[in-house]
Amino acid sequence: MLSYFISGSNTYTIRTQPTGSNDFTMSLQDMTLLTNSTASLSNITYNGYESMLAFTASISGAVTAGEYRAKIINGIEEIWHGSIQVYASQSWDDSGKSDYRNQIPLDNAFISNVSENKYVILD
């Protein structure tokens, strides 16, 4: 299963069936509505020695929690099939330090004097 992030960089590298073609199309079927569409592929590179296909995909009209059956065709035959799950955009939360707390209330004996971080102490 591939993860697709809305408003994100969706670059993939997958192993396919060996092919001599450089004409790749990704066909999609929405698993909820059963409608068919295609994904827009760009930055396509294919390593014939290892059968590795790298590309960036864009799915028009993708919504969070959407699921697709996907297949890649090399012009005439299917060389890969799988599924795609759509997720909301992700971002890194760097709002502050971790706040570990001791689960056994002690008289502040294990609180760091250097910082405000608190740690779980296991005996």
Protein backbone atom coordinates (compact mmCIF):
# COMPACT_ATOMS: atom_id res chain seq x y z
CA MET A 1 0.00 0.00 0.00
CA LEU A 2 1.28 3.46 -0.89
CA SER A 3 0.55 6.49 1.28
CA TYR A 4 -0.57 9.63 -0.57
CA PHE A 5 -0.44 12.96 1.27
CA ILE A 6 -2.68 15.80 0.12
CA SER A 7 -0.55 18.89 -0.60
CA GLY A 8 2.59 16.87 -0.08
CA SER A 9 5.43 15.56 -2.17
CA ASN A 10 4.33 12.11 -3.25
CA THR A 11 7.49 10.56 -4.62
CA TYR A 12 7.69 6.78 -4.79
CA THR A 13 10.17 4.08 -5.77
CA ILE A 14 8.64 0.67 -6.40
CA ARG A 15 9.75 -2.63 -7.86
CA THR A 16 7.80 -3.65 -10.96
CA GLN A 17 7.70 -6.47 -13.44
CA PRO A 18 10.58 -6.15 -15.92
CA THR A 19 9.73 -3.97 -18.90
CA GLY A 20 11.49 -2.47 -21.87
CA SER A 21 8.97 0.34 -22.24
CA ASN A 22 9.29 3.90 -20.97
CA ASP A 23 5.58 4.67 -21.38
CA PHE A 24 3.99 4.42 -17.91
CA THR A 25 0.38 5.12 -16.89
CA MET A 26 -1.14 4.77 -13.42
CA SER A 27 -4.82 3.76 -13.48
CA LEU A 28 -6.92 4.25 -10.35
CA GLN A 29 -10.26 2.97 -9.12
CA ASP A 30 -11.86 4.75 -6.16
CA MET A 31 -12.82 1.98 -3.72
CA THR A 32 -15.80 3.95 -2.40
CA LEU A 33 -17.38 5.31 -5.56
CA LEU A 34 -15.96 2.70 -7.96
CA THR A 35 -15.04 5.44 -10.43
CA ASN A 36 -11.99 5.10 -12.67
CA SER A 37 -9.34 7.76 -13.23
CA THR A 38 -5.62 8.16 -13.83
CA ALA A 39 -2.88 9.72 -11.75
CA SER A 40 -0.53 12.27 -13.25
CA LEU A 41 3.04 10.94 -13.15
CA SER A 42 6.13 13.12 -13.43
CA ASN A 43 9.89 12.81 -12.84
CA ILE A 44 9.77 9.21 -14.05
CA THR A 45 12.94 7.12 -14.01
CA TYR A 46 13.19 3.38 -14.58
CA ASN A 47 16.16 1.21 -13.62
CA GLY A 48 15.90 -1.84 -15.89
CA TYR A 49 18.66 -3.73 -14.05
CA GLU A 50 16.67 -3.81 -10.79
CA SER A 51 13.18 -3.18 -12.24
CA MET A 52 12.81 -0.10 -10.02
CA LEU A 53 10.41 2.64 -11.09
CA ALA A 54 10.67 6.06 -9.42
CA PHE A 55 8.10 8.79 -9.99
CA THR A 56 6.08 11.59 -8.45
CA ALA A 57 2.31 11.09 -8.50
CA SER A 58 -0.54 13.57 -8.36
CA ILE A 59 -4.16 12.46 -7.87
CA SER A 60 -6.72 15.05 -8.91
CA GLY A 61 -9.67 15.30 -6.52
CA ALA A 62 -8.12 13.13 -3.79
CA VAL A 63 -9.80 13.52 -0.39
CA THR A 64 -8.57 12.54 3.06
CA ALA A 65 -9.27 8.87 3.89
CA GLY A 66 -9.79 8.03 0.22
CA GLU A 67 -8.63 4.64 -1.00
CA TYR A 68 -7.73 3.58 -4.51
CA ARG A 69 -6.90 0.38 -6.31
CA ALA A 70 -3.93 1.25 -8.47
CA LYS A 71 -2.09 -0.35 -11.35
CA ILE A 72 0.78 0.78 -13.52
CA ILE A 73 0.67 -0.12 -17.18
CA ASN A 74 3.67 0.09 -19.50
CA GLY A 75 1.56 0.81 -22.56
CA ILE A 76 0.19 -2.70 -23.08
CA GLU A 77 0.56 -4.79 -19.92
CA GLU A 78 0.25 -4.35 -16.17
CA ILE A 79 3.65 -4.23 -14.45
CA TRP A 80 2.52 -3.33 -10.90
CA HIS A 81 -0.68 -3.27 -8.86
CA GLY A 82 -1.46 -2.22 -5.30
CA SER A 83 -3.49 0.24 -3.29
CA ILE A 84 -3.18 3.88 -2.27
CA GLN A 85 -4.45 5.41 0.99
CA VAL A 86 -4.95 9.19 1.10
CA TYR A 87 -3.90 11.12 4.22
CA ALA A 88 -4.17 14.75 5.29
CA SER A 89 -1.04 16.85 5.01
CA GLN A 90 1.50 16.11 7.72
CA SER A 91 3.76 18.58 9.49
CA TRP A 92 6.46 18.37 12.10
CA ASP A 93 5.39 19.60 15.54
CA ASP A 94 8.41 21.21 17.18
CA SER A 95 6.42 23.20 19.73
CA GLY A 96 8.42 22.19 22.77
CA LYS A 97 10.36 19.62 24.67
CA SER A 98 9.09 16.21 25.68
CA ASP A 99 7.46 16.14 29.06
CA TYR A 100 8.05 12.74 30.64
CA ARG A 101 6.45 12.29 34.07
CA ASN A 102 7.15 9.86 36.83
CA GLN A 103 4.13 7.61 37.27
CA ILE A 104 4.84 7.10 40.97
CA PRO A 105 4.45 10.36 42.92
CA LEU A 106 7.75 10.90 44.68
CA ASP A 107 8.96 14.02 46.42
CA ASN A 108 10.44 15.52 43.21
CA ALA A 109 13.58 13.43 43.74
CA PHE A 110 13.85 12.49 40.05
CA ILE A 111 13.16 15.86 38.39
CA SER A 112 16.07 17.25 36.39
CA ASN A 113 17.75 20.30 37.92
CA VAL A 114 19.08 21.38 34.52
CA SER A 115 15.81 21.59 32.63
CA GLU A 116 12.07 21.30 33.08
CA ASN A 117 11.96 17.85 31.47
CA LYS A 118 10.58 15.07 33.64
CA TYR A 119 11.35 11.40 33.02
CA VAL A 120 9.60 8.12 33.74
CA ILE A 121 11.75 6.18 36.19
CA LEU A 122 11.36 2.40 36.17
CA ASP A 123 12.58 0.39 39.17
